[in-house]
Amino acid sequence: IALNAAWTHPAEPGLALAVPPLVGVHVAAVRELRRGGRYLSP
């Protein structure tokens, strides 16, 4: 899990995306994305 969210929307089939205003962030995932060169700004 990268993010937990109370509100989500199915942006594409099989792709649910978190929507602010209430989100939890898994810092280990953020760290791994940075290491792997796959991090994009929030």
PDB file of all heavy atoms in Angstrom:
ATOM      1  N   ILE A   1       0.841  -1.200   0.000  1.00  0.00           N
ATOM      2  CA  ILE A   1       0.000   0.000   0.000  1.00  0.00           C
ATOM      3  C   ILE A   1       0.872   1.244   0.000  1.00  0.00           C
ATOM      4  O   ILE A   1       1.779   1.382   0.833  1.00  0.00           O
ATOM      5  CB  ILE A   1      -0.935   0.022   1.228  1.00  0.00           C
ATOM      6  CG1 ILE A   1      -1.853  -1.202   1.238  1.00  0.00           C
ATOM      7  CG2 ILE A   1      -1.752   1.310   1.245  1.00  0.00           C
ATOM      8  CD1 ILE A   1      -2.785  -1.288   0.062  1.00  0.00           C
ATOM      9  N   ALA A   2       0.626   2.150  -0.915  1.00  0.00           N
ATOM     10  CA  ALA A   2       1.310   3.449  -0.914  1.00  0.00           C
ATOM     11  C   ALA A   2       0.500   4.480  -0.146  1.00  0.00           C
ATOM     12  O   ALA A   2       1.049   5.249   0.650  1.00  0.00           O
ATOM     13  CB  ALA A   2       1.554   3.931  -2.340  1.00  0.00           C
ATOM     14  N   LEU A   3      -0.812   4.523  -0.407  1.00  0.00           N
ATOM     15  CA  LEU A   3      -1.694   5.490   0.247  1.00  0.00           C
ATOM     16  C   LEU A   3      -2.942   4.795   0.752  1.00  0.00           C
ATOM     17  O   LEU A   3      -3.453   3.877   0.104  1.00  0.00           O
ATOM     18  CB  LEU A   3      -2.120   6.597  -0.729  1.00  0.00           C
ATOM     19  CG  LEU A   3      -1.057   7.499  -1.351  1.00  0.00           C
ATOM     20  CD1 LEU A   3      -1.723   8.525  -2.261  1.00  0.00           C
ATOM     21  CD2 LEU A   3      -0.221   8.200  -0.285  1.00  0.00           C
ATOM     22  N   ASN A   4      -3.441   5.250   1.896  1.00  0.00           N
ATOM     23  CA  ASN A   4      -4.788   4.951   2.361  1.00  0.00           C
ATOM     24  C   ASN A   4      -5.633   6.200   2.194  1.00  0.00           C
ATOM     25  O   ASN A   4      -5.137   7.323   2.370  1.00  0.00           O
ATOM     26  CB  ASN A   4      -4.782   4.549   3.835  1.00  0.00           C
ATOM     27  CG  ASN A   4      -4.270   3.152   4.075  1.00  0.00           C
ATOM     28  OD1 ASN A   4      -4.434   2.271   3.234  1.00  0.00           O
ATOM     29  ND2 ASN A   4      -3.646   2.933   5.220  1.00  0.00           N
ATOM     30  N   ALA A   5      -6.896   6.034   1.882  1.00  0.00           N
ATOM     31  CA  ALA A   5      -7.757   7.204   1.694  1.00  0.00           C
ATOM     32  C   ALA A   5      -9.192   6.863   2.043  1.00  0.00           C
ATOM     33  O   ALA A   5      -9.634   5.717   1.901  1.00  0.00           O
ATOM     34  CB  ALA A   5      -7.682   7.696   0.250  1.00  0.00           C
ATOM     35  N   ALA A   6      -9.911   7.866   2.519  1.00  0.00           N
ATOM     36  CA  ALA A   6     -11.337   7.695   2.799  1.00  0.00           C
ATOM     37  C   ALA A   6     -12.165   7.840   1.528  1.00  0.00           C
ATOM     38  O   ALA A   6     -13.160   7.141   1.341  1.00  0.00           O
ATOM     39  CB  ALA A   6     -11.791   8.716   3.836  1.00  0.00           C
ATOM     40  N   TRP A   7     -11.757   8.771   0.656  1.00  0.00           N
ATOM     41  CA  TRP A   7     -12.456   8.982  -0.616  1.00  0.00           C
ATOM     42  C   TRP A   7     -11.556   8.500  -1.755  1.00  0.00           C
ATOM     43  O   TRP A   7     -10.378   8.886  -1.843  1.00  0.00           O
ATOM     44  CB  TRP A   7     -12.767  10.460  -0.830  1.00  0.00           C
ATOM     45  CG  TRP A   7     -13.961  10.957  -0.078  1.00  0.00           C
ATOM     46  CD1 TRP A   7     -15.272  10.921  -0.486  1.00  0.00           C
ATOM     47  CD2 TRP A   7     -13.956  11.592   1.208  1.00  0.00           C
ATOM     48  NE1 TRP A   7     -16.086  11.483   0.470  1.00  0.00           N
ATOM     49  CE2 TRP A   7     -15.304  11.903   1.521  1.00  0.00           C
ATOM     50  CE3 TRP A   7     -12.965  11.923   2.130  1.00  0.00           C
ATOM     51  CZ2 TRP A   7     -15.670  12.529   2.712  1.00  0.00           C
ATOM     52  CZ3 TRP A   7     -13.323  12.542   3.304  1.00  0.00           C
ATOM     53  CH2 TRP A   7     -14.662  12.830   3.587  1.00  0.00           C
ATOM     54  N   THR A   8     -12.082   7.673  -2.630  1.00  0.00           N
ATOM     55  CA  THR A   8     -11.347   7.223  -3.804  1.00  0.00           C
ATOM     56  C   THR A   8     -12.259   7.305  -5.025  1.00  0.00           C
ATOM     57  O   THR A   8     -13.482   7.392  -4.891  1.00  0.00           O
ATOM     58  CB  THR A   8     -10.854   5.773  -3.647  1.00  0.00           C
ATOM     59  OG1 THR A   8     -11.982   4.921  -3.396  1.00  0.00           O
ATOM     60  CG2 THR A   8      -9.843   5.654  -2.517  1.00  0.00           C
ATOM     61  N   HIS A   9     -11.642   7.280  -6.195  1.00  0.00           N
ATOM     62  CA  HIS A   9     -12.441   7.205  -7.410  1.00  0.00           C
ATOM     63  C   HIS A   9     -11.758   6.295  -8.416  1.00  0.00           C
ATOM     64  O   HIS A   9     -10.511   6.258  -8.499  1.00  0.00           O
ATOM     65  CB  HIS A   9     -12.702   8.592  -8.010  1.00  0.00           C
ATOM     66  CG  HIS A   9     -11.509   9.231  -8.637  1.00  0.00           C
ATOM     67  ND1 HIS A   9     -11.311   9.270  -9.987  1.00  0.00           N
ATOM     68  CD2 HIS A   9     -10.447   9.875  -8.094  1.00  0.00           C
ATOM     69  CE1 HIS A   9     -10.185   9.903 -10.258  1.00  0.00           C
ATOM     70  NE2 HIS A   9      -9.629  10.273  -9.131  1.00  0.00           N
ATOM     71  N   PRO A  10     -12.540   5.522  -9.163  1.00  0.00           N
ATOM     72  CA  PRO A  10     -11.959   4.616 -10.167  1.00  0.00           C
ATOM     73  C   PRO A  10     -11.589   5.395 -11.422  1.00  0.00           C
ATOM     74  O   PRO A  10     -12.368   5.510 -12.364  1.00  0.00           O
ATOM     75  CB  PRO A  10     -13.090   3.614 -10.425  1.00  0.00           C
ATOM     76  CG  PRO A  10     -14.341   4.395 -10.154  1.00  0.00           C
ATOM     77  CD  PRO A  10     -13.998   5.393  -9.092  1.00  0.00           C
ATOM     78  N   ALA A  11     -10.365   5.930 -11.434  1.00  0.00           N
ATOM     79  CA  ALA A  11      -9.947   6.772 -12.556  1.00  0.00           C
ATOM     80  C   ALA A  11      -9.923   5.997 -13.858  1.00  0.00           C
ATOM     81  O   ALA A  11     -10.233   6.534 -14.927  1.00  0.00           O
ATOM     82  CB  ALA A  11      -8.582   7.372 -12.266  1.00  0.00           C
ATOM     83  N   GLU A  12      -9.533   4.750 -13.794  1.00  0.00           N
ATOM     84  CA  GLU A  12      -9.501   3.845 -14.945  1.00  0.00           C
ATOM     85  C   GLU A  12      -9.920   2.468 -14.430  1.00  0.00           C
ATOM     86  O   GLU A  12      -9.853   2.204 -13.224  1.00  0.00           O
ATOM     87  CB  GLU A  12      -8.096   3.766 -15.561  1.00  0.00           C
ATOM     88  CG  GLU A  12      -7.517   5.087 -16.041  1.00  0.00           C
ATOM     89  CD  GLU A  12      -8.160   5.577 -17.322  1.00  0.00           C
ATOM     90  OE1 GLU A  12      -8.851   4.777 -17.983  1.00  0.00           O
ATOM     91  OE2 GLU A  12      -7.951   6.756 -17.676  1.00  0.00           O
ATOM     92  N   PRO A  13     -10.346   1.566 -15.284  1.00  0.00           N
ATOM     93  CA  PRO A  13     -10.670   0.215 -14.815  1.00  0.00           C
ATOM     94  C   PRO A  13      -9.494  -0.415 -14.060  1.00  0.00           C
ATOM     95  O   PRO A  13      -8.379  -0.467 -14.558  1.00  0.00           O
ATOM     96  CB  PRO A  13     -10.966  -0.542 -16.122  1.00  0.00           C
ATOM     97  CG  PRO A  13     -11.427   0.513 -17.069  1.00  0.00           C
ATOM     98  CD  PRO A  13     -10.617   1.731 -16.731  1.00  0.00           C
ATOM     99  N   GLY A  14      -9.778  -0.821 -12.832  1.00  0.00           N
ATOM    100  CA  GLY A  14      -8.739  -1.435 -12.008  1.00  0.00           C
ATOM    101  C   GLY A  14      -7.778  -0.457 -11.375  1.00  0.00           C
ATOM    102  O   GLY A  14      -6.807  -0.880 -10.737  1.00  0.00           O
ATOM    103  N   LEU A  15      -8.007   0.838 -11.525  1.00  0.00           N
ATOM    104  CA  LEU A  15      -7.104   1.853 -10.980  1.00  0.00           C
ATOM    105  C   LEU A  15      -7.904   2.803 -10.081  1.00  0.00           C
ATOM    106  O   LEU A  15      -8.523   3.750 -10.562  1.00  0.00           O
ATOM    107  CB  LEU A  15      -6.420   2.629 -12.106  1.00  0.00           C
ATOM    108  CG  LEU A  15      -5.449   3.743 -11.680  1.00  0.00           C
ATOM    109  CD1 LEU A  15      -4.283   3.162 -10.882  1.00  0.00           C
ATOM    110  CD2 LEU A  15      -4.931   4.499 -12.893  1.00  0.00           C
ATOM    111  N   ALA A  16      -7.894   2.533  -8.782  1.00  0.00           N
ATOM    112  CA  ALA A  16      -8.553   3.413  -7.807  1.00  0.00           C
ATOM    113  C   ALA A  16      -7.529   4.406  -7.274  1.00  0.00           C
ATOM    114  O   ALA A  16      -6.415   4.025  -6.894  1.00  0.00           O
ATOM    115  CB  ALA A  16      -9.134   2.588  -6.667  1.00  0.00           C
ATOM    116  N   LEU A  17      -7.887   5.672  -7.271  1.00  0.00           N
ATOM    117  CA  LEU A  17      -6.977   6.726  -6.828  1.00  0.00           C
ATOM    118  C   LEU A  17      -7.523   7.428  -5.592  1.00  0.00           C
ATOM    119  O   LEU A  17      -8.723   7.683  -5.479  1.00  0.00           O
ATOM    120  CB  LEU A  17      -6.767   7.745  -7.942  1.00  0.00           C
ATOM    121  CG  LEU A  17      -6.077   7.244  -9.207  1.00  0.00           C
ATOM    122  CD1 LEU A  17      -5.960   8.372 -10.220  1.00  0.00           C
ATOM    123  CD2 LEU A  17      -4.691   6.670  -8.893  1.00  0.00           C
ATOM    124  N   ALA A  18      -6.610   7.734  -4.673  1.00  0.00           N
ATOM    125  CA  ALA A  18      -6.973   8.485  -3.475  1.00  0.00           C
ATOM    126  C   ALA A  18      -7.259   9.932  -3.821  1.00  0.00           C
ATOM    127  O   ALA A  18      -6.640  10.517  -4.709  1.00  0.00           O
ATOM    128  CB  ALA A  18      -5.835   8.418  -2.463  1.00  0.00           C
ATOM    129  N   VAL A  19      -8.208  10.497  -3.104  1.00  0.00           N
ATOM    130  CA  VAL A  19      -8.557  11.909  -3.251  1.00  0.00           C
ATOM    131  C   VAL A  19      -8.403  12.579  -1.891  1.00  0.00           C
ATOM    132  O   VAL A  19      -8.939  12.064  -0.902  1.00  0.00           O
ATOM    133  CB  VAL A  19     -10.009  12.064  -3.749  1.00  0.00           C
ATOM    134  CG1 VAL A  19     -10.373  13.538  -3.900  1.00  0.00           C
ATOM    135  CG2 VAL A  19     -10.199  11.332  -5.065  1.00  0.00           C
ATOM    136  N   PRO A  20      -7.655  13.679  -1.801  1.00  0.00           N
ATOM    137  CA  PRO A  20      -7.720  14.427  -0.555  1.00  0.00           C
ATOM    138  C   PRO A  20      -9.192  14.801  -0.330  1.00  0.00           C
ATOM    139  O   PRO A  20      -9.938  14.818  -1.307  1.00  0.00           O
ATOM    140  CB  PRO A  20      -6.865  15.666  -0.830  1.00  0.00           C
ATOM    141  CG  PRO A  20      -6.011  15.277  -2.006  1.00  0.00           C
ATOM    142  CD  PRO A  20      -6.835  14.324  -2.817  1.00  0.00           C
ATOM    143  N   PRO A  21      -9.642  14.972   0.866  1.00  0.00           N
ATOM    144  CA  PRO A  21      -8.950  15.669   1.940  1.00  0.00           C
ATOM    145  C   PRO A  21      -8.429  14.809   3.080  1.00  0.00           C
ATOM    146  O   PRO A  21      -7.960  15.367   4.082  1.00  0.00           O
ATOM    147  CB  PRO A  21     -10.053  16.565   2.477  1.00  0.00           C
ATOM    148  CG  PRO A  21     -11.274  15.705   2.375  1.00  0.00           C
ATOM    149  CD  PRO A  21     -11.094  14.919   1.121  1.00  0.00           C
ATOM    150  N   LEU A  22      -8.508  13.500   3.027  1.00  0.00           N
ATOM    151  CA  LEU A  22      -8.085  12.679   4.161  1.00  0.00           C
ATOM    152  C   LEU A  22      -7.301  11.496   3.611  1.00  0.00           C
ATOM    153  O   LEU A  22      -7.867  10.593   2.989  1.00  0.00           O
ATOM    154  CB  LEU A  22      -9.298  12.201   4.956  1.00  0.00           C
ATOM    155  CG  LEU A  22      -9.008  11.406   6.225  1.00  0.00           C
ATOM    156  CD1 LEU A  22      -8.260  12.259   7.255  1.00  0.00           C
ATOM    157  CD2 LEU A  22     -10.288  10.859   6.829  1.00  0.00           C
ATOM    158  N   VAL A  23      -5.979  11.503   3.855  1.00  0.00           N
ATOM    159  CA  VAL A  23      -5.088  10.515   3.240  1.00  0.00           C
ATOM    160  C   VAL A  23      -4.028  10.100   4.251  1.00  0.00           C
ATOM    161  O   VAL A  23      -3.550  10.919   5.044  1.00  0.00           O
ATOM    162  CB  VAL A  23      -4.410  11.106   1.979  1.00  0.00           C
ATOM    163  CG1 VAL A  23      -3.398  10.143   1.393  1.00  0.00           C
ATOM    164  CG2 VAL A  23      -5.454  11.469   0.928  1.00  0.00           C
ATOM    165  N   GLY A  24      -3.655   8.807   4.220  1.00  0.00           N
ATOM    166  CA  GLY A  24      -2.517   8.312   4.973  1.00  0.00           C
ATOM    167  C   GLY A  24      -1.402   7.931   4.022  1.00  0.00           C
ATOM    168  O   GLY A  24      -1.654   7.372   2.945  1.00  0.00           O
ATOM    169  N   VAL A  25      -0.168   8.233   4.384  1.00  0.00           N
ATOM    170  CA  VAL A  25       0.985   8.036   3.508  1.00  0.00           C
ATOM    171  C   VAL A  25       1.935   7.008   4.130  1.00  0.00           C
ATOM    172  O   VAL A  25       2.376   7.164   5.277  1.00  0.00           O
ATOM    173  CB  VAL A  25       1.743   9.359   3.268  1.00  0.00           C
ATOM    174  CG1 VAL A  25       2.957   9.137   2.376  1.00  0.00           C
ATOM    175  CG2 VAL A  25       0.801  10.396   2.650  1.00  0.00           C
ATOM    176  N   HIS A  26       2.242   5.971   3.354  1.00  0.00           N
ATOM    177  CA  HIS A  26       3.172   4.908   3.758  1.00  0.00           C
ATOM    178  C   HIS A  26       4.573   5.348   3.375  1.00  0.00           C
ATOM    179  O   HIS A  26       4.959   5.296   2.198  1.00  0.00           O
ATOM    180  CB  HIS A  26       2.783   3.613   3.046  1.00  0.00           C
ATOM    181  CG  HIS A  26       3.478   2.412   3.568  1.00  0.00           C
ATOM    182  ND1 HIS A  26       3.398   1.181   2.928  1.00  0.00           N
ATOM    183  CD2 HIS A  26       4.279   2.211   4.643  1.00  0.00           C
ATOM    184  CE1 HIS A  26       4.105   0.293   3.604  1.00  0.00           C
ATOM    185  NE2 HIS A  26       4.655   0.899   4.639  1.00  0.00           N
ATOM    186  N   VAL A  27       5.334   5.782   4.340  1.00  0.00           N
ATOM    187  CA  VAL A  27       6.633   6.397   4.061  1.00  0.00           C
ATOM    188  C   VAL A  27       7.621   5.386   3.479  1.00  0.00           C
ATOM    189  O   VAL A  27       8.482   5.752   2.655  1.00  0.00           O
ATOM    190  CB  VAL A  27       7.182   7.071   5.338  1.00  0.00           C
ATOM    191  CG1 VAL A  27       8.639   7.492   5.168  1.00  0.00           C
ATOM    192  CG2 VAL A  27       6.320   8.294   5.682  1.00  0.00           C
ATOM    193  N   ALA A  28       7.517   4.112   3.849  1.00  0.00           N
ATOM    194  CA  ALA A  28       8.410   3.102   3.261  1.00  0.00           C
ATOM    195  C   ALA A  28       8.216   3.019   1.752  1.00  0.00           C
ATOM    196  O   ALA A  28       9.182   2.842   1.003  1.00  0.00           O
ATOM    197  CB  ALA A  28       8.159   1.741   3.909  1.00  0.00           C
ATOM    198  N   ALA A  29       6.963   3.165   1.287  1.00  0.00           N
ATOM    199  CA  ALA A  29       6.705   3.154  -0.154  1.00  0.00           C
ATOM    200  C   ALA A  29       7.302   4.386  -0.825  1.00  0.00           C
ATOM    201  O   ALA A  29       7.893   4.285  -1.911  1.00  0.00           O
ATOM    202  CB  ALA A  29       5.194   3.088  -0.407  1.00  0.00           C
ATOM    203  N   VAL A  30       7.154   5.540  -0.196  1.00  0.00           N
ATOM    204  CA  VAL A  30       7.742   6.766  -0.750  1.00  0.00           C
ATOM    205  C   VAL A  30       9.255   6.606  -0.874  1.00  0.00           C
ATOM    206  O   VAL A  30       9.862   6.950  -1.902  1.00  0.00           O
ATOM    207  CB  VAL A  30       7.395   7.982   0.137  1.00  0.00           C
ATOM    208  CG1 VAL A  30       8.102   9.239  -0.379  1.00  0.00           C
ATOM    209  CG2 VAL A  30       5.895   8.201   0.198  1.00  0.00           C
ATOM    210  N   ARG A  31       9.860   6.058   0.161  1.00  0.00           N
ATOM    211  CA  ARG A  31      11.314   5.861   0.155  1.00  0.00           C
ATOM    212  C   ARG A  31      11.743   4.917  -0.973  1.00  0.00           C
ATOM    213  O   ARG A  31      12.726   5.178  -1.681  1.00  0.00           O
ATOM    214  CB  ARG A  31      11.728   5.309   1.521  1.00  0.00           C
ATOM    215  CG  ARG A  31      13.212   5.393   1.830  1.00  0.00           C
ATOM    216  CD  ARG A  31      13.479   4.931   3.256  1.00  0.00           C
ATOM    217  NE  ARG A  31      12.872   5.832   4.219  1.00  0.00           N
ATOM    218  CZ  ARG A  31      12.037   5.445   5.197  1.00  0.00           C
ATOM    219  NH1 ARG A  31      11.699   4.179   5.307  1.00  0.00           N
ATOM    220  NH2 ARG A  31      11.558   6.332   6.033  1.00  0.00           N
ATOM    221  N   GLU A  32      10.974   3.861  -1.173  1.00  0.00           N
ATOM    222  CA  GLU A  32      11.307   2.894  -2.222  1.00  0.00           C
ATOM    223  C   GLU A  32      11.145   3.507  -3.608  1.00  0.00           C
ATOM    224  O   GLU A  32      11.948   3.250  -4.524  1.00  0.00           O
ATOM    225  CB  GLU A  32      10.432   1.658  -2.074  1.00  0.00           C
ATOM    226  CG  GLU A  32      10.739   0.554  -3.063  1.00  0.00           C
ATOM    227  CD  GLU A  32      12.153   0.024  -2.939  1.00  0.00           C
ATOM    228  OE1 GLU A  32      12.717   0.055  -1.820  1.00  0.00           O
ATOM    229  OE2 GLU A  32      12.713  -0.412  -3.972  1.00  0.00           O
ATOM    230  N   LEU A  33      10.118   4.326  -3.786  1.00  0.00           N
ATOM    231  CA  LEU A  33       9.917   4.986  -5.081  1.00  0.00           C
ATOM    232  C   LEU A  33      11.062   5.938  -5.384  1.00  0.00           C
ATOM    233  O   LEU A  33      11.518   6.033  -6.536  1.00  0.00           O
ATOM    234  CB  LEU A  33       8.583   5.735  -5.080  1.00  0.00           C
ATOM    235  CG  LEU A  33       7.327   4.861  -5.064  1.00  0.00           C
ATOM    236  CD1 LEU A  33       6.085   5.708  -4.852  1.00  0.00           C
ATOM    237  CD2 LEU A  33       7.200   4.061  -6.357  1.00  0.00           C
ATOM    238  N   ARG A  34      11.551   6.630  -4.395  1.00  0.00           N
ATOM    239  CA  ARG A  34      12.700   7.513  -4.609  1.00  0.00           C
ATOM    240  C   ARG A  34      13.929   6.696  -5.019  1.00  0.00           C
ATOM    241  O   ARG A  34      14.646   7.064  -5.958  1.00  0.00           O
ATOM    242  CB  ARG A  34      12.995   8.309  -3.333  1.00  0.00           C
ATOM    243  CG  ARG A  34      11.975   9.388  -2.991  1.00  0.00           C
ATOM    244  CD  ARG A  34      12.468  10.209  -1.810  1.00  0.00           C
ATOM    245  NE  ARG A  34      11.477  11.116  -1.285  1.00  0.00           N
ATOM    246  CZ  ARG A  34      11.186  12.320  -1.767  1.00  0.00           C
ATOM    247  NH1 ARG A  34      11.830  12.754  -2.836  1.00  0.00           N
ATOM    248  NH2 ARG A  34      10.264  13.086  -1.202  1.00  0.00           N
ATOM    249  N   ARG A  35      14.172   5.605  -4.296  1.00  0.00           N
ATOM    250  CA  ARG A  35      15.338   4.774  -4.611  1.00  0.00           C
ATOM    251  C   ARG A  35      15.259   4.203  -6.026  1.00  0.00           C
ATOM    252  O   ARG A  35      16.271   4.090  -6.717  1.00  0.00           O
ATOM    253  CB  ARG A  35      15.458   3.630  -3.591  1.00  0.00           C
ATOM    254  CG  ARG A  35      16.129   4.008  -2.292  1.00  0.00           C
ATOM    255  CD  ARG A  35      16.592   2.771  -1.542  1.00  0.00           C
ATOM    256  NE  ARG A  35      15.474   1.956  -1.121  1.00  0.00           N
ATOM    257  CZ  ARG A  35      14.942   1.965   0.101  1.00  0.00           C
ATOM    258  NH1 ARG A  35      15.445   2.773   1.023  1.00  0.00           N
ATOM    259  NH2 ARG A  35      13.925   1.192   0.406  1.00  0.00           N
ATOM    260  N   GLY A  36      14.057   3.849  -6.448  1.00  0.00           N
ATOM    261  CA  GLY A  36      13.888   3.233  -7.751  1.00  0.00           C
ATOM    262  C   GLY A  36      13.690   4.202  -8.890  1.00  0.00           C
ATOM    263  O   GLY A  36      13.470   3.784 -10.038  1.00  0.00           O
ATOM    264  N   GLY A  37      13.757   5.503  -8.623  1.00  0.00           N
ATOM    265  CA  GLY A  37      13.597   6.499  -9.680  1.00  0.00           C
ATOM    266  C   GLY A  37      12.175   6.601 -10.211  1.00  0.00           C
ATOM    267  O   GLY A  37      11.965   7.049 -11.348  1.00  0.00           O
ATOM    268  N   ARG A  38      11.180   6.198  -9.397  1.00  0.00           N
ATOM    269  CA  ARG A  38       9.783   6.240  -9.839  1.00  0.00           C
ATOM    270  C   ARG A  38       8.939   7.204  -9.005  1.00  0.00           C
ATOM    271  O   ARG A  38       7.722   7.158  -9.035  1.00  0.00           O
ATOM    272  CB  ARG A  38       9.183   4.833  -9.789  1.00  0.00           C
ATOM    273  CG  ARG A  38       9.828   3.887 -10.792  1.00  0.00           C
ATOM    274  CD  ARG A  38       9.260   2.492 -10.759  1.00  0.00           C
ATOM    275  NE  ARG A  38       9.851   1.677 -11.809  1.00  0.00           N
ATOM    276  CZ  ARG A  38       9.430   1.652 -13.070  1.00  0.00           C
ATOM    277  NH1 ARG A  38       8.382   2.383 -13.425  1.00  0.00           N
ATOM    278  NH2 ARG A  38      10.036   0.902 -13.965  1.00  0.00           N
ATOM    279  N   TYR A  39       9.598   8.071  -8.310  1.00  0.00           N
ATOM    280  CA  TYR A  39       8.888   9.040  -7.463  1.00  0.00           C
ATOM    281  C   TYR A  39       8.466  10.252  -8.278  1.00  0.00           C
ATOM    282  O   TYR A  39       9.256  10.813  -9.039  1.00  0.00           O
ATOM    283  CB  TYR A  39       9.792   9.492  -6.318  1.00  0.00           C
ATOM    284  CG  TYR A  39       9.203  10.596  -5.471  1.00  0.00           C
ATOM    285  CD1 TYR A  39       8.294  10.311  -4.472  1.00  0.00           C
ATOM    286  CD2 TYR A  39       9.549  11.927  -5.703  1.00  0.00           C
ATOM    287  CE1 TYR A  39       7.746  11.322  -3.694  1.00  0.00           C
ATOM    288  CE2 TYR A  39       9.012  12.942  -4.933  1.00  0.00           C
ATOM    289  CZ  TYR A  39       8.108  12.643  -3.930  1.00  0.00           C
ATOM    290  OH  TYR A  39       7.552  13.644  -3.174  1.00  0.00           O
ATOM    291  N   LEU A  40       7.203  10.652  -8.126  1.00  0.00           N
ATOM    292  CA  LEU A  40       6.712  11.918  -8.659  1.00  0.00           C
ATOM    293  C   LEU A  40       6.128  12.720  -7.502  1.00  0.00           C
ATOM    294  O   LEU A  40       5.542  12.156  -6.569  1.00  0.00           O
ATOM    295  CB  LEU A  40       5.644  11.716  -9.735  1.00  0.00           C
ATOM    296  CG  LEU A  40       6.158  11.294 -11.113  1.00  0.00           C
ATOM    297  CD1 LEU A  40       6.161   9.779 -11.237  1.00  0.00           C
ATOM    298  CD2 LEU A  40       5.296  11.909 -12.217  1.00  0.00           C
ATOM    299  N   SER A  41       6.269  14.018  -7.562  1.00  0.00           N
ATOM    300  CA  SER A  41       5.753  14.899  -6.519  1.00  0.00           C
ATOM    301  C   SER A  41       4.265  14.650  -6.287  1.00  0.00           C
ATOM    302  O   SER A  41       3.520  14.338  -7.222  1.00  0.00           O
ATOM    303  CB  SER A  41       5.959  16.356  -6.932  1.00  0.00           C
ATOM    304  OG  SER A  41       5.160  17.215  -6.140  1.00  0.00           O
ATOM    305  N   PRO A  42       3.795  14.801  -5.043  1.00  0.00           N
ATOM    306  CA  PRO A  42       2.354  14.703  -4.781  1.00  0.00           C
ATOM    307  C   PRO A  42       1.555  15.894  -5.313  1.00  0.00           C
ATOM    308  O   PRO A  42       0.320  15.889  -5.240  1.00  0.00           O
ATOM    309  CB  PRO A  42       2.284  14.644  -3.247  1.00  0.00           C
ATOM    310  CG  PRO A  42       3.511  15.370  -2.795  1.00  0.00           C
ATOM    311  CD  PRO A  42       4.569  15.037  -3.815  1.00  0.00           C
TER     312      PRO A  42
END
